Amino acid sequence: MRCDPASLNIKDGHDLLVCAVLPRPIAFVSTIGPDGVNNLAPFSYFTILSSRPVVVGFGIGPKRDGGKKDTLVNIEFAGDFVINVVTEDLAKAMNVTSGEYPPEVDEFKEAGLTAVPGERVKSPRVGESPLNLEGRLLQILEFGEVPRINRFVIGEVLRIHVQEGLMVNNIVKAERLKPIGRMGEDFYCRTQDIFEMKRPEGRKKN
């Protein structure tokens, strides 16, 4: 099979992409809005862009009606956000927040999670998440055409919170963190079945 992405309709293009790029880490993004209401939502278009300075990015699609999602509105307002790692224990709560709620709804309360004040940002972090990244907005990139505008949020991480017991020799151990990943359709994956391969040194010049 061959296809040109531009020839696919929005749904088919989306479904093909999210079933091809696997597994995807989940940015569980917490923000605060202009009205002081907290927001919490998961995004699986998420990656690291730089380690010094620490820069991360995640994609936010539009609402079904083409409008901006509350997370984006809040980030544009506050200029910051927190990315919380989703663990196996947080999977169900994360799924609750994936619904499309009105702006006045606090997803922390809907999911039964604790909003802990940020230390370097206005946005709160998820108290139950064992690893949080407090980020300051640097840039928002836009792709597509109205009404299907997709945004990619880029931010610098100002503070990292790591739960005691997760690190060994300054390395966060995956088997202790137990994060989950996003698959296609309605599927997720655990990250317990892992294997190791040492990186080769490469060829030396003669």
N, C-alpha and C. Protein backbone atom coordinates (compact mmCIF):
# COMPACT_ATOMS: atom_id res chain seq x y z
N MET A 1 0.84 -1.21 0.00
CA MET A 1 0.00 0.00 0.00
C MET A 1 0.87 1.25 0.00
N ARG A 2 0.48 2.23 -0.76
CA ARG A 2 1.12 3.54 -0.77
C ARG A 2 0.05 4.61 -0.67
N CYS A 3 0.39 5.71 -0.02
CA CYS A 3 -0.56 6.81 0.02
C CYS A 3 0.18 8.11 0.22
N ASP A 4 -0.37 9.17 -0.30
CA ASP A 4 0.14 10.51 -0.06
C ASP A 4 -0.70 11.10 1.07
N PRO A 5 -0.08 11.51 2.18
CA PRO A 5 -0.85 12.02 3.32
C PRO A 5 -1.84 13.12 2.95
N ALA A 6 -1.46 13.97 2.01
CA ALA A 6 -2.34 15.09 1.63
C ALA A 6 -3.64 14.62 0.99
N SER A 7 -3.65 13.37 0.48
CA SER A 7 -4.85 12.86 -0.19
C SER A 7 -5.85 12.24 0.80
N LEU A 8 -5.43 12.02 2.04
CA LEU A 8 -6.30 11.40 3.04
C LEU A 8 -7.18 12.44 3.72
N ASN A 9 -8.38 12.02 4.11
CA ASN A 9 -9.20 12.94 4.90
C ASN A 9 -8.62 13.02 6.32
N ILE A 10 -9.12 13.95 7.10
CA ILE A 10 -8.53 14.22 8.42
C ILE A 10 -8.53 12.99 9.31
N LYS A 11 -9.65 12.26 9.36
CA LYS A 11 -9.74 11.10 10.24
C LYS A 11 -8.80 9.99 9.80
N ASP A 12 -8.80 9.69 8.50
CA ASP A 12 -7.95 8.60 8.01
C ASP A 12 -6.47 8.93 8.20
N GLY A 13 -6.10 10.19 7.96
CA GLY A 13 -4.72 10.60 8.15
C GLY A 13 -4.30 10.50 9.60
N HIS A 14 -5.18 10.92 10.51
CA HIS A 14 -4.91 10.84 11.94
C HIS A 14 -4.77 9.40 12.38
N ASP A 15 -5.71 8.55 11.99
CA ASP A 15 -5.71 7.14 12.41
C ASP A 15 -4.47 6.41 11.91
N LEU A 16 -4.04 6.71 10.70
CA LEU A 16 -2.84 6.07 10.16
C LEU A 16 -1.60 6.51 10.94
N LEU A 17 -1.52 7.78 11.22
CA LEU A 17 -0.34 8.33 11.91
C LEU A 17 -0.21 7.78 13.32
N VAL A 18 -1.29 7.80 14.10
CA VAL A 18 -1.19 7.39 15.51
C VAL A 18 -1.04 5.88 15.65
N CYS A 19 -1.30 5.13 14.59
CA CYS A 19 -1.07 3.68 14.63
C CYS A 19 0.29 3.32 14.05
N ALA A 20 1.01 4.30 13.52
CA ALA A 20 2.32 4.06 12.94
C ALA A 20 3.45 4.53 13.85
N VAL A 21 3.22 5.61 14.59
CA VAL A 21 4.24 6.15 15.50
C VAL A 21 3.94 5.63 16.90
N LEU A 22 4.62 4.55 17.28
CA LEU A 22 4.30 3.83 18.51
C LEU A 22 5.56 3.40 19.26
N PRO A 23 5.46 3.29 20.60
CA PRO A 23 4.46 3.91 21.46
C PRO A 23 4.80 5.38 21.66
N ARG A 24 3.84 6.17 22.10
CA ARG A 24 4.06 7.59 22.30
C ARG A 24 3.97 7.94 23.79
N PRO A 25 4.93 8.70 24.31
CA PRO A 25 4.83 9.14 25.70
C PRO A 25 3.66 10.10 25.85
N ILE A 26 3.14 10.20 27.04
CA ILE A 26 1.95 11.04 27.29
C ILE A 26 2.34 12.25 28.13
N ALA A 27 2.08 13.43 27.59
CA ALA A 27 2.24 14.67 28.36
C ALA A 27 0.90 14.94 29.04
N PHE A 28 0.85 14.73 30.34
CA PHE A 28 -0.35 15.00 31.14
C PHE A 28 -0.21 16.45 31.59
N VAL A 29 -0.83 17.36 30.84
CA VAL A 29 -0.55 18.79 30.98
C VAL A 29 -1.56 19.47 31.90
N SER A 30 -1.02 20.12 32.92
CA SER A 30 -1.88 20.89 33.83
C SER A 30 -1.63 22.38 33.64
N THR A 31 -2.71 23.15 33.66
CA THR A 31 -2.64 24.59 33.44
C THR A 31 -3.66 25.29 34.33
N ILE A 32 -3.59 26.62 34.35
CA ILE A 32 -4.59 27.42 35.05
C ILE A 32 -5.12 28.47 34.09
N GLY A 33 -6.43 28.70 34.15
CA GLY A 33 -7.07 29.61 33.21
C GLY A 33 -7.23 31.02 33.74
N PRO A 34 -7.70 31.94 32.89
CA PRO A 34 -7.90 33.33 33.28
C PRO A 34 -8.88 33.48 34.44
N ASP A 35 -9.79 32.53 34.58
CA ASP A 35 -10.78 32.56 35.66
C ASP A 35 -10.32 31.83 36.90
N GLY A 36 -9.08 31.37 36.91
CA GLY A 36 -8.55 30.67 38.08
C GLY A 36 -8.89 29.20 38.16
N VAL A 37 -9.56 28.66 37.13
CA VAL A 37 -9.94 27.25 37.11
C VAL A 37 -8.77 26.42 36.57
N ASN A 38 -8.46 25.34 37.26
CA ASN A 38 -7.40 24.44 36.82
C ASN A 38 -7.88 23.55 35.68
N ASN A 39 -6.96 23.20 34.80
CA ASN A 39 -7.28 22.31 33.70
C ASN A 39 -6.24 21.21 33.63
N LEU A 40 -6.66 20.02 33.21
CA LEU A 40 -5.76 18.87 33.13
C LEU A 40 -6.18 18.02 31.94
N ALA A 41 -5.23 17.74 31.04
CA ALA A 41 -5.56 16.97 29.84
C ALA A 41 -4.32 16.26 29.31
N PRO A 42 -4.50 15.06 28.70
CA PRO A 42 -3.37 14.32 28.15
C PRO A 42 -3.14 14.60 26.67
N PHE A 43 -1.85 14.63 26.27
CA PHE A 43 -1.46 14.84 24.87
C PHE A 43 -0.31 13.89 24.55
N SER A 44 -0.47 13.12 23.46
CA SER A 44 0.54 12.10 23.15
C SER A 44 1.45 12.49 21.99
N TYR A 45 1.35 13.73 21.50
CA TYR A 45 2.33 14.25 20.55
C TYR A 45 3.34 15.01 21.40
N PHE A 46 4.27 14.30 22.01
CA PHE A 46 5.12 14.86 23.07
C PHE A 46 6.56 14.39 22.93
N THR A 47 7.51 15.31 23.09
CA THR A 47 8.92 14.92 22.98
C THR A 47 9.84 15.91 23.68
N ILE A 48 11.12 15.50 23.82
CA ILE A 48 12.19 16.36 24.32
C ILE A 48 12.85 17.03 23.11
N LEU A 49 13.13 18.32 23.21
CA LEU A 49 13.76 19.04 22.12
C LEU A 49 15.20 19.44 22.43
N SER A 50 15.53 19.58 23.70
CA SER A 50 16.88 19.99 24.09
C SER A 50 17.11 19.60 25.54
N SER A 51 18.38 19.29 25.86
CA SER A 51 18.71 18.95 27.25
C SER A 51 19.41 20.08 27.99
N ARG A 52 19.98 21.06 27.27
CA ARG A 52 20.57 22.24 27.89
C ARG A 52 20.46 23.41 26.94
N PRO A 53 19.51 24.31 27.14
CA PRO A 53 18.51 24.27 28.20
C PRO A 53 17.52 23.12 27.99
N VAL A 54 16.83 22.74 29.05
CA VAL A 54 15.84 21.67 28.94
C VAL A 54 14.59 22.24 28.26
N VAL A 55 14.32 21.74 27.06
CA VAL A 55 13.17 22.21 26.29
C VAL A 55 12.34 21.02 25.85
N VAL A 56 11.03 21.11 26.05
CA VAL A 56 10.11 20.05 25.66
C VAL A 56 9.03 20.65 24.76
N GLY A 57 8.33 19.78 24.05
CA GLY A 57 7.26 20.25 23.19
C GLY A 57 6.15 19.23 23.08
N PHE A 58 4.94 19.71 22.87
CA PHE A 58 3.80 18.81 22.68
C PHE A 58 2.77 19.46 21.78
N GLY A 59 2.08 18.62 21.02
CA GLY A 59 1.10 19.09 20.07
C GLY A 59 -0.30 19.13 20.66
N ILE A 60 -1.05 20.17 20.29
CA ILE A 60 -2.45 20.32 20.71
C ILE A 60 -3.30 20.51 19.47
N GLY A 61 -4.20 19.59 19.23
CA GLY A 61 -5.13 19.73 18.11
C GLY A 61 -6.31 20.61 18.49
N PRO A 62 -7.15 20.96 17.53
CA PRO A 62 -8.32 21.79 17.81
C PRO A 62 -9.46 20.98 18.42
N LYS A 63 -10.42 21.68 18.98
CA LYS A 63 -11.65 21.03 19.41
C LYS A 63 -12.42 20.53 18.19
N ARG A 64 -13.44 19.75 18.42
CA ARG A 64 -14.23 19.22 17.31
C ARG A 64 -14.83 20.33 16.46
N ASP A 65 -15.14 21.48 17.10
CA ASP A 65 -15.72 22.59 16.35
C ASP A 65 -14.67 23.51 15.75
N GLY A 66 -13.38 23.14 15.91
CA GLY A 66 -12.29 23.93 15.35
C GLY A 66 -11.71 24.95 16.31
N GLY A 67 -12.36 25.15 17.47
CA GLY A 67 -11.88 26.13 18.44
C GLY A 67 -10.65 25.65 19.19
N LYS A 68 -10.06 26.54 19.97
CA LYS A 68 -8.89 26.21 20.76
C LYS A 68 -9.28 25.40 22.00
N LYS A 69 -8.48 24.40 22.32
CA LYS A 69 -8.71 23.63 23.54
C LYS A 69 -8.33 24.48 24.75
N ASP A 70 -8.95 24.16 25.89
CA ASP A 70 -8.72 24.94 27.11
C ASP A 70 -7.25 24.98 27.50
N THR A 71 -6.54 23.88 27.29
CA THR A 71 -5.11 23.84 27.62
C THR A 71 -4.35 24.94 26.88
N LEU A 72 -4.63 25.08 25.59
CA LEU A 72 -3.95 26.10 24.79
C LEU A 72 -4.33 27.50 25.24
N VAL A 73 -5.62 27.73 25.47
CA VAL A 73 -6.08 29.04 25.95
C VAL A 73 -5.38 29.41 27.25
N ASN A 74 -5.27 28.44 28.15
CA ASN A 74 -4.64 28.70 29.44
C ASN A 74 -3.15 28.98 29.31
N ILE A 75 -2.47 28.24 28.44
CA ILE A 75 -1.04 28.46 28.24
C ILE A 75 -0.80 29.85 27.64
N GLU A 76 -1.63 30.26 26.70
CA GLU A 76 -1.50 31.59 26.13
C GLU A 76 -1.73 32.67 27.19
N PHE A 77 -2.61 32.38 28.14
CA PHE A 77 -2.89 33.33 29.22
C PHE A 77 -1.77 33.39 30.25
N ALA A 78 -1.41 32.23 30.80
CA ALA A 78 -0.46 32.19 31.91
C ALA A 78 0.99 32.17 31.47
N GLY A 79 1.25 31.68 30.24
CA GLY A 79 2.62 31.59 29.76
C GLY A 79 3.39 30.44 30.35
N ASP A 80 2.69 29.47 30.92
CA ASP A 80 3.38 28.32 31.49
C ASP A 80 2.47 27.10 31.54
N PHE A 81 3.02 25.98 32.02
CA PHE A 81 2.30 24.72 32.11
C PHE A 81 3.14 23.76 32.95
N VAL A 82 2.54 22.63 33.32
CA VAL A 82 3.28 21.54 33.97
C VAL A 82 2.97 20.25 33.23
N ILE A 83 4.02 19.49 32.92
CA ILE A 83 3.84 18.16 32.33
C ILE A 83 4.04 17.14 33.44
N ASN A 84 3.04 16.31 33.64
CA ASN A 84 3.06 15.29 34.68
C ASN A 84 3.14 13.91 34.03
N VAL A 85 4.04 13.06 34.51
CA VAL A 85 4.18 11.72 33.94
C VAL A 85 2.98 10.87 34.34
N VAL A 86 2.44 10.13 33.38
CA VAL A 86 1.32 9.23 33.63
C VAL A 86 1.86 7.84 33.92
N THR A 87 1.62 7.34 35.11
CA THR A 87 2.04 6.01 35.49
C THR A 87 0.87 5.03 35.36
N GLU A 88 1.15 3.76 35.57
CA GLU A 88 0.08 2.76 35.53
C GLU A 88 -1.03 3.10 36.53
N ASP A 89 -0.64 3.58 37.71
CA ASP A 89 -1.63 3.91 38.74
C ASP A 89 -2.50 5.11 38.36
N LEU A 90 -2.00 5.96 37.45
CA LEU A 90 -2.75 7.15 37.07
C LEU A 90 -3.53 6.98 35.76
N ALA A 91 -3.46 5.80 35.16
CA ALA A 91 -4.06 5.60 33.85
C ALA A 91 -5.56 5.93 33.82
N LYS A 92 -6.32 5.42 34.78
CA LYS A 92 -7.77 5.64 34.77
C LYS A 92 -8.11 7.11 34.98
N ALA A 93 -7.40 7.76 35.88
CA ALA A 93 -7.65 9.18 36.13
C ALA A 93 -7.30 10.00 34.90
N MET A 94 -6.20 9.66 34.23
CA MET A 94 -5.82 10.34 33.00
C MET A 94 -6.91 10.21 31.94
N ASN A 95 -7.47 9.01 31.83
CA ASN A 95 -8.50 8.78 30.83
C ASN A 95 -9.75 9.62 31.10
N VAL A 96 -10.06 9.83 32.38
CA VAL A 96 -11.20 10.68 32.74
C VAL A 96 -11.01 12.09 32.19
N THR A 97 -9.79 12.60 32.27
CA THR A 97 -9.53 13.98 31.84
C THR A 97 -9.46 14.14 30.33
N SER A 98 -9.47 13.03 29.59
CA SER A 98 -9.36 13.11 28.13
C SER A 98 -10.67 13.54 27.46
N GLY A 99 -11.75 13.59 28.24
CA GLY A 99 -13.02 14.06 27.68
C GLY A 99 -12.99 15.56 27.42
N GLU A 100 -13.92 16.04 26.61
CA GLU A 100 -13.99 17.46 26.29
C GLU A 100 -14.98 18.14 27.23
N TYR A 101 -14.44 18.84 28.24
CA TYR A 101 -15.26 19.48 29.26
C TYR A 101 -15.34 20.99 29.01
N PRO A 102 -16.39 21.65 29.53
CA PRO A 102 -16.46 23.11 29.42
C PRO A 102 -15.32 23.76 30.20
N PRO A 103 -14.96 25.00 29.86
CA PRO A 103 -13.83 25.68 30.52
C PRO A 103 -13.99 25.82 32.04
N GLU A 104 -15.23 25.87 32.52
CA GLU A 104 -15.44 26.07 33.96
C GLU A 104 -15.28 24.79 34.78
N VAL A 105 -15.03 23.66 34.11
CA VAL A 105 -14.86 22.38 34.82
C VAL A 105 -13.39 22.19 35.18
N ASP A 106 -13.15 21.84 36.43
CA ASP A 106 -11.81 21.54 36.93
C ASP A 106 -11.58 20.03 36.80
N GLU A 107 -10.73 19.63 35.84
CA GLU A 107 -10.50 18.20 35.60
C GLU A 107 -9.77 17.51 36.76
N PHE A 108 -9.04 18.27 37.57
CA PHE A 108 -8.44 17.69 38.77
C PHE A 108 -9.53 17.08 39.63
N LYS A 109 -10.60 17.85 39.84
CA LYS A 109 -11.72 17.38 40.67
C LYS A 109 -12.46 16.24 40.00
N GLU A 110 -12.65 16.34 38.68
CA GLU A 110 -13.35 15.27 37.96
C GLU A 110 -12.63 13.93 38.10
N ALA A 111 -11.29 13.98 38.09
CA ALA A 111 -10.49 12.75 38.14
C ALA A 111 -10.07 12.37 39.56
N GLY A 112 -10.42 13.20 40.54
CA GLY A 112 -10.05 12.90 41.92
C GLY A 112 -8.56 13.06 42.19
N LEU A 113 -7.92 14.02 41.52
CA LEU A 113 -6.49 14.25 41.68
C LEU A 113 -6.23 15.54 42.45
N THR A 114 -5.02 15.66 43.00
CA THR A 114 -4.65 16.78 43.84
C THR A 114 -3.85 17.82 43.07
N ALA A 115 -4.31 19.06 43.09
CA ALA A 115 -3.59 20.17 42.46
C ALA A 115 -2.62 20.77 43.47
N VAL A 116 -1.33 20.63 43.20
CA VAL A 116 -0.28 21.17 44.06
C VAL A 116 0.29 22.43 43.39
N PRO A 117 0.39 23.54 44.12
CA PRO A 117 0.90 24.77 43.50
C PRO A 117 2.28 24.59 42.88
N GLY A 118 2.46 25.17 41.70
CA GLY A 118 3.77 25.14 41.07
C GLY A 118 4.74 26.02 41.84
N GLU A 119 6.03 25.73 41.74
CA GLU A 119 7.04 26.51 42.45
C GLU A 119 7.64 27.60 41.58
N ARG A 120 7.74 27.35 40.27
CA ARG A 120 8.30 28.33 39.35
C ARG A 120 7.29 28.81 38.32
N VAL A 121 6.08 28.24 38.36
CA VAL A 121 5.05 28.59 37.39
C VAL A 121 3.72 28.80 38.10
N LYS A 122 2.78 29.44 37.41
CA LYS A 122 1.44 29.66 37.97
C LYS A 122 0.61 28.37 37.95
N SER A 123 0.85 27.53 36.95
CA SER A 123 0.06 26.30 36.80
C SER A 123 0.34 25.31 37.92
N PRO A 124 -0.65 24.52 38.31
CA PRO A 124 -0.45 23.52 39.35
C PRO A 124 0.13 22.23 38.76
N ARG A 125 0.67 21.39 39.61
CA ARG A 125 1.12 20.07 39.18
C ARG A 125 0.24 19.01 39.82
N VAL A 126 0.28 17.81 39.27
CA VAL A 126 -0.51 16.69 39.80
C VAL A 126 0.25 16.07 40.96
N GLY A 127 -0.33 16.15 42.16
CA GLY A 127 0.34 15.63 43.34
C GLY A 127 0.59 14.14 43.28
N GLU A 128 -0.28 13.40 42.61
CA GLU A 128 -0.16 11.95 42.55
C GLU A 128 0.86 11.48 41.51
N SER A 129 1.29 12.37 40.63
CA SER A 129 2.29 11.98 39.63
C SER A 129 3.68 12.03 40.26
N PRO A 130 4.49 10.99 40.05
CA PRO A 130 5.81 10.95 40.69
C PRO A 130 6.88 11.77 39.99
N LEU A 131 6.55 12.37 38.83
CA LEU A 131 7.54 13.18 38.12
C LEU A 131 6.82 14.30 37.38
N ASN A 132 7.23 15.54 37.67
CA ASN A 132 6.58 16.70 37.08
C ASN A 132 7.61 17.65 36.49
N LEU A 133 7.27 18.25 35.36
CA LEU A 133 8.14 19.22 34.70
C LEU A 133 7.41 20.56 34.64
N GLU A 134 7.91 21.55 35.37
CA GLU A 134 7.32 22.88 35.33
C GLU A 134 7.94 23.63 34.15
N GLY A 135 7.10 24.09 33.23
CA GLY A 135 7.60 24.70 32.01
C GLY A 135 7.11 26.11 31.76
N ARG A 136 7.98 26.93 31.18
CA ARG A 136 7.65 28.29 30.77
C ARG A 136 7.53 28.32 29.25
N LEU A 137 6.47 28.90 28.75
CA LEU A 137 6.23 28.96 27.31
C LEU A 137 7.32 29.73 26.59
N LEU A 138 7.85 29.14 25.52
CA LEU A 138 8.81 29.81 24.65
C LEU A 138 8.19 30.19 23.32
N GLN A 139 7.42 29.26 22.75
CA GLN A 139 6.92 29.48 21.40
C GLN A 139 5.76 28.54 21.11
N ILE A 140 4.84 28.98 20.26
CA ILE A 140 3.76 28.12 19.78
C ILE A 140 3.79 28.15 18.25
N LEU A 141 4.01 26.97 17.66
CA LEU A 141 4.02 26.85 16.21
C LEU A 141 2.64 26.44 15.73
N GLU A 142 2.25 26.89 14.54
CA GLU A 142 0.94 26.55 13.99
C GLU A 142 1.10 25.82 12.66
N PHE A 143 0.27 24.80 12.46
CA PHE A 143 0.27 24.01 11.24
C PHE A 143 -1.17 23.82 10.78
N GLY A 144 -1.37 23.79 9.47
CA GLY A 144 -2.71 23.55 8.94
C GLY A 144 -3.44 24.83 8.60
N GLU A 145 -4.71 24.67 8.27
CA GLU A 145 -5.54 25.79 7.88
C GLU A 145 -6.82 25.79 8.70
N VAL A 146 -7.40 26.98 8.87
CA VAL A 146 -8.67 27.11 9.58
C VAL A 146 -9.73 26.26 8.91
N PRO A 147 -10.56 25.47 9.64
CA PRO A 147 -10.63 25.46 11.10
C PRO A 147 -9.74 24.40 11.77
N ARG A 148 -8.96 23.66 11.00
CA ARG A 148 -8.16 22.57 11.57
C ARG A 148 -6.72 23.02 11.81
N ILE A 149 -6.54 23.97 12.73
CA ILE A 149 -5.21 24.44 13.08
C ILE A 149 -4.65 23.59 14.21
N ASN A 150 -3.47 23.03 13.98
CA ASN A 150 -2.77 22.27 15.02
C ASN A 150 -1.63 23.12 15.56
N ARG A 151 -1.46 23.11 16.88
CA ARG A 151 -0.39 23.89 17.51
C ARG A 151 0.62 22.98 18.18
N PHE A 152 1.89 23.41 18.14
CA PHE A 152 2.95 22.71 18.84
C PHE A 152 3.54 23.67 19.86
N VAL A 153 3.35 23.33 21.13
CA VAL A 153 3.78 24.20 22.24
C VAL A 153 5.21 23.83 22.63
N ILE A 154 6.08 24.82 22.68
CA ILE A 154 7.47 24.61 23.07
C ILE A 154 7.74 25.39 24.35
N GLY A 155 8.31 24.73 25.34
CA GLY A 155 8.57 25.40 26.61
C GLY A 155 9.87 24.96 27.25
N GLU A 156 10.44 25.86 28.04
CA GLU A 156 11.66 25.55 28.79
C GLU A 156 11.28 25.04 30.18
N VAL A 157 11.87 23.92 30.58
CA VAL A 157 11.59 23.35 31.90
C VAL A 157 12.41 24.10 32.94
N LEU A 158 11.71 24.69 33.91
CA LEU A 158 12.36 25.49 34.96
C LEU A 158 12.60 24.69 36.23
N ARG A 159 11.77 23.69 36.47
CA ARG A 159 11.94 22.86 37.66
C ARG A 159 11.42 21.46 37.39
N ILE A 160 12.15 20.47 37.91
CA ILE A 160 11.75 19.06 37.79
C ILE A 160 11.53 18.50 39.18
N HIS A 161 10.40 17.87 39.40
CA HIS A 161 10.10 17.21 40.67
C HIS A 161 10.15 15.70 40.45
N VAL A 162 10.96 15.02 41.24
CA VAL A 162 11.08 13.56 41.15
C VAL A 162 10.82 12.96 42.52
N GLN A 163 9.90 12.04 42.58
CA GLN A 163 9.55 11.37 43.84
C GLN A 163 10.74 10.58 44.39
N GLU A 164 10.88 10.61 45.71
CA GLU A 164 11.95 9.85 46.35
C GLU A 164 11.85 8.37 46.01
N GLY A 165 13.00 7.74 45.79
CA GLY A 165 13.03 6.30 45.53
C GLY A 165 12.99 5.93 44.06
N LEU A 166 12.79 6.91 43.17
CA LEU A 166 12.72 6.60 41.74
C LEU A 166 14.09 6.60 41.08
N MET A 167 15.06 7.27 41.71
CA MET A 167 16.35 7.46 41.07
C MET A 167 17.43 6.57 41.68
N VAL A 168 18.32 6.08 40.82
CA VAL A 168 19.50 5.34 41.23
C VAL A 168 20.68 5.95 40.48
N ASN A 169 21.65 6.47 41.23
CA ASN A 169 22.82 7.14 40.62
C ASN A 169 22.39 8.25 39.66
N ASN A 170 21.41 9.03 40.12
CA ASN A 170 20.91 10.19 39.35
C ASN A 170 20.18 9.81 38.06
N ILE A 171 19.77 8.58 37.96
CA ILE A 171 19.00 8.12 36.79
C ILE A 171 17.62 7.64 37.25
N VAL A 172 16.58 8.16 36.61
CA VAL A 172 15.22 7.69 36.91
C VAL A 172 15.06 6.30 36.31
N LYS A 173 14.75 5.33 37.15
CA LYS A 173 14.62 3.95 36.70
C LYS A 173 13.20 3.67 36.22
N ALA A 174 13.08 3.26 34.97
CA ALA A 174 11.76 3.03 34.35
C ALA A 174 10.95 2.00 35.11
N GLU A 175 11.62 0.97 35.62
CA GLU A 175 10.89 -0.09 36.32
C GLU A 175 10.29 0.39 37.64
N ARG A 176 10.80 1.51 38.15
CA ARG A 176 10.22 2.10 39.35
C ARG A 176 9.17 3.14 39.02
N LEU A 177 9.41 3.90 37.95
CA LEU A 177 8.46 4.92 37.54
C LEU A 177 7.17 4.32 36.99
N LYS A 178 7.30 3.27 36.19
CA LYS A 178 6.16 2.57 35.58
C LYS A 178 5.26 3.50 34.75
N PRO A 179 5.85 4.22 33.79
CA PRO A 179 5.02 5.06 32.92
C PRO A 179 4.25 4.21 31.92
N ILE A 180 3.21 4.78 31.35
CA ILE A 180 2.48 4.10 30.28
C ILE A 180 2.65 4.89 29.00
N GLY A 181 2.41 4.23 27.86
CA GLY A 181 2.52 4.87 26.56
C GLY A 181 1.21 4.78 25.80
N ARG A 182 1.04 5.65 24.84
CA ARG A 182 -0.18 5.69 24.02
C ARG A 182 0.04 4.89 22.76
N MET A 183 -0.93 4.06 22.42
CA MET A 183 -0.93 3.31 21.19
C MET A 183 -2.02 3.87 20.29
N GLY A 184 -2.33 3.16 19.20
CA GLY A 184 -3.43 3.57 18.34
C GLY A 184 -4.76 3.14 18.91
N GLU A 185 -5.83 3.59 18.30
CA GLU A 185 -7.21 3.29 18.73
C GLU A 185 -7.37 3.67 20.21
N ASP A 186 -7.94 2.78 21.02
CA ASP A 186 -8.12 3.07 22.45
C ASP A 186 -7.14 2.29 23.31
N PHE A 187 -5.97 1.99 22.76
CA PHE A 187 -5.01 1.15 23.46
C PHE A 187 -3.85 1.95 24.06
N TYR A 188 -3.32 1.40 25.16
CA TYR A 188 -2.15 1.94 25.84
C TYR A 188 -1.20 0.77 26.08
N CYS A 189 0.03 1.09 26.49
CA CYS A 189 0.98 0.02 26.78
C CYS A 189 1.75 0.32 28.06
N ARG A 190 2.20 -0.74 28.71
CA ARG A 190 3.09 -0.62 29.86
C ARG A 190 4.53 -0.66 29.36
N THR A 191 5.44 -0.21 30.19
CA THR A 191 6.84 -0.17 29.77
C THR A 191 7.70 -1.07 30.66
N GLN A 192 7.16 -2.21 31.03
CA GLN A 192 7.90 -3.13 31.90
C GLN A 192 8.72 -4.15 31.13
N ASP A 193 8.33 -4.46 29.91
CA ASP A 193 9.06 -5.44 29.10
C ASP A 193 10.12 -4.69 28.29
N ILE A 194 11.31 -4.51 28.90
CA ILE A 194 12.36 -3.73 28.25
C ILE A 194 13.61 -4.58 28.05
N PHE A 195 14.46 -4.15 27.13
CA PHE A 195 15.72 -4.85 26.91
C PHE A 195 16.82 -3.82 26.68
N GLU A 196 18.05 -4.23 26.86
CA GLU A 196 19.18 -3.31 26.80
C GLU A 196 20.08 -3.62 25.61
N MET A 197 20.58 -2.58 24.95
CA MET A 197 21.59 -2.71 23.90
C MET A 197 22.60 -1.58 24.08
N LYS A 198 23.85 -1.93 24.28
CA LYS A 198 24.90 -0.93 24.42
C LYS A 198 25.17 -0.28 23.06
N ARG A 199 25.36 1.03 23.07
CA ARG A 199 25.64 1.75 21.84
C ARG A 199 27.06 1.43 21.36
N PRO A 200 27.23 1.11 20.06
CA PRO A 200 28.58 0.82 19.55
C PRO A 200 29.44 2.07 19.51
N GLU A 201 30.75 1.87 19.58
CA GLU A 201 31.67 3.00 19.56
C GLU A 201 31.80 3.59 18.16
N GLY A 202 31.49 2.82 17.14
CA GLY A 202 31.64 3.30 15.78
C GLY A 202 33.06 3.05 15.27
N ARG A 203 33.29 3.38 14.04
CA ARG A 203 34.61 3.15 13.44
C ARG A 203 35.55 4.31 13.72
N LYS A 204 36.77 3.99 14.07
CA LYS A 204 37.77 5.01 14.32
C LYS A 204 38.48 5.34 13.01
N LYS A 205 38.89 6.61 12.89
CA LYS A 205 39.62 7.04 11.69
C LYS A 205 41.02 6.42 11.70
N ASN A 206 41.47 6.02 10.53
CA ASN A 206 42.83 5.46 10.41
C ASN A 206 43.87 6.57 10.52
